[in-house]
Each structure stands twice: as structure tokens, then as C-alpha cells.
Amino acid sequence: MYYTVKTLLGQGKNISQIAKQLGIERKTVRKIRDKVKDSEVCPAPY
């Protein structure tokens, strides 16, 4: 979910659009955005 939100934000989508697309609340999108911005989410190991 974190990477999906990060990708959509990078594509220029706003919080409301992301929330609607993913079926989650705007508050959740904001929390994820803030964690990604603060680098609390590490890239997935491949």
C-alpha cells in the first residue's frame, strides 16, 4: 500500500483521488504520505 500511494503521489494525484482509487480514507493516505516523506518506509528488497 505504501508504494502504491508513493507512486500515485509521484504521478501528481492528490490525496482525495488516491483515497477514492484505493478505497481508503484520506487520513490514511496522509499518514502514508508523511511516513514516505520522512523516509520511515524503506524500499522493498529485491
N, C-alpha and C. Protein backbone atom coordinates (compact mmCIF):
# COMPACT_ATOMS: atom_id res chain seq x y z
N MET A 1 0.82 -1.19 0.00
CA MET A 1 0.00 0.00 0.00
C MET A 1 0.87 1.26 0.00
N TYR A 2 1.96 1.24 0.78
CA TYR A 2 2.83 2.41 0.87
C TYR A 2 3.40 2.78 -0.50
N TYR A 3 3.84 1.77 -1.22
CA TYR A 3 4.47 2.03 -2.51
C TYR A 3 3.45 2.49 -3.54
N THR A 4 2.23 1.99 -3.44
CA THR A 4 1.17 2.42 -4.34
C THR A 4 0.86 3.89 -4.12
N VAL A 5 0.73 4.29 -2.86
CA VAL A 5 0.46 5.70 -2.54
C VAL A 5 1.62 6.56 -3.01
N LYS A 6 2.84 6.11 -2.76
CA LYS A 6 4.02 6.88 -3.17
C LYS A 6 4.04 7.06 -4.70
N THR A 7 3.73 6.00 -5.42
CA THR A 7 3.71 6.06 -6.88
C THR A 7 2.64 7.03 -7.38
N LEU A 8 1.45 6.93 -6.81
CA LEU A 8 0.35 7.81 -7.23
C LEU A 8 0.65 9.27 -6.91
N LEU A 9 1.26 9.53 -5.77
CA LEU A 9 1.65 10.90 -5.44
C LEU A 9 2.67 11.40 -6.45
N GLY A 10 3.59 10.54 -6.83
CA GLY A 10 4.60 10.90 -7.83
C GLY A 10 4.01 11.19 -9.19
N GLN A 11 2.85 10.61 -9.46
CA GLN A 11 2.16 10.86 -10.72
C GLN A 11 1.32 12.13 -10.68
N GLY A 12 1.33 12.80 -9.54
CA GLY A 12 0.62 14.07 -9.42
C GLY A 12 -0.81 13.95 -8.93
N LYS A 13 -1.21 12.79 -8.47
CA LYS A 13 -2.56 12.62 -7.94
C LYS A 13 -2.65 13.27 -6.57
N ASN A 14 -3.83 13.80 -6.25
CA ASN A 14 -3.98 14.40 -4.93
C ASN A 14 -4.52 13.36 -3.94
N ILE A 15 -4.57 13.74 -2.69
CA ILE A 15 -4.94 12.80 -1.63
C ILE A 15 -6.35 12.25 -1.84
N SER A 16 -7.28 13.09 -2.23
CA SER A 16 -8.66 12.63 -2.44
C SER A 16 -8.74 11.61 -3.57
N GLN A 17 -8.03 11.86 -4.65
CA GLN A 17 -8.04 10.93 -5.78
C GLN A 17 -7.46 9.58 -5.39
N ILE A 18 -6.37 9.60 -4.64
CA ILE A 18 -5.72 8.36 -4.21
C ILE A 18 -6.65 7.58 -3.28
N ALA A 19 -7.25 8.27 -2.32
CA ALA A 19 -8.15 7.62 -1.38
C ALA A 19 -9.32 6.95 -2.10
N LYS A 20 -9.88 7.66 -3.05
CA LYS A 20 -11.01 7.11 -3.80
C LYS A 20 -10.58 5.91 -4.63
N GLN A 21 -9.44 6.01 -5.29
CA GLN A 21 -8.95 4.94 -6.15
C GLN A 21 -8.64 3.67 -5.35
N LEU A 22 -8.06 3.84 -4.16
CA LEU A 22 -7.64 2.69 -3.36
C LEU A 22 -8.71 2.23 -2.37
N GLY A 23 -9.76 3.02 -2.19
CA GLY A 23 -10.82 2.65 -1.26
C GLY A 23 -10.42 2.78 0.20
N ILE A 24 -9.57 3.79 0.48
CA ILE A 24 -9.16 4.05 1.86
C ILE A 24 -9.48 5.50 2.20
N GLU A 25 -9.40 5.85 3.46
CA GLU A 25 -9.71 7.21 3.89
C GLU A 25 -8.57 8.17 3.57
N ARG A 26 -8.91 9.44 3.39
CA ARG A 26 -7.90 10.47 3.11
C ARG A 26 -6.90 10.56 4.24
N LYS A 27 -7.37 10.39 5.46
CA LYS A 27 -6.50 10.45 6.64
C LYS A 27 -5.40 9.38 6.54
N THR A 28 -5.76 8.21 6.07
CA THR A 28 -4.79 7.12 5.90
C THR A 28 -3.77 7.49 4.84
N VAL A 29 -4.22 8.08 3.74
CA VAL A 29 -3.31 8.50 2.67
C VAL A 29 -2.33 9.53 3.21
N ARG A 30 -2.81 10.47 4.01
CA ARG A 30 -1.93 11.49 4.59
C ARG A 30 -0.87 10.86 5.49
N LYS A 31 -1.28 9.90 6.31
CA LYS A 31 -0.33 9.24 7.20
C LYS A 31 0.76 8.53 6.40
N ILE A 32 0.33 7.84 5.34
CA ILE A 32 1.30 7.13 4.50
C ILE A 32 2.22 8.13 3.82
N ARG A 33 1.66 9.21 3.28
CA ARG A 33 2.47 10.24 2.63
C ARG A 33 3.52 10.78 3.57
N ASP A 34 3.13 11.07 4.81
CA ASP A 34 4.07 11.62 5.78
C ASP A 34 5.17 10.62 6.13
N LYS A 35 4.83 9.34 6.25
CA LYS A 35 5.84 8.33 6.55
C LYS A 35 6.81 8.17 5.39
N VAL A 36 6.30 8.20 4.18
CA VAL A 36 7.15 8.08 3.00
C VAL A 36 8.06 9.30 2.90
N LYS A 37 7.50 10.48 3.16
CA LYS A 37 8.28 11.72 3.09
C LYS A 37 9.40 11.74 4.12
N ASP A 38 9.13 11.18 5.31
CA ASP A 38 10.12 11.15 6.38
C ASP A 38 11.06 9.95 6.27
N SER A 39 10.96 9.21 5.18
CA SER A 39 11.80 8.04 4.90
C SER A 39 11.67 6.94 5.95
N GLU A 40 10.49 6.82 6.55
CA GLU A 40 10.26 5.74 7.51
C GLU A 40 9.97 4.43 6.78
N VAL A 41 9.67 4.53 5.50
CA VAL A 41 9.38 3.34 4.71
C VAL A 41 10.58 3.08 3.82
N CYS A 42 11.18 1.92 3.96
CA CYS A 42 12.36 1.56 3.19
C CYS A 42 11.93 0.90 1.87
N PRO A 43 12.74 1.01 0.85
CA PRO A 43 12.41 0.34 -0.40
C PRO A 43 12.33 -1.17 -0.21
N ALA A 44 11.47 -1.80 -0.98
CA ALA A 44 11.30 -3.25 -0.90
C ALA A 44 12.56 -3.95 -1.37
N PRO A 45 13.02 -4.96 -0.64
CA PRO A 45 14.22 -5.69 -1.08
C PRO A 45 13.89 -6.58 -2.26
N TYR A 46 14.73 -6.54 -3.27
CA TYR A 46 14.54 -7.39 -4.46
C TYR A 46 15.74 -8.24 -4.69
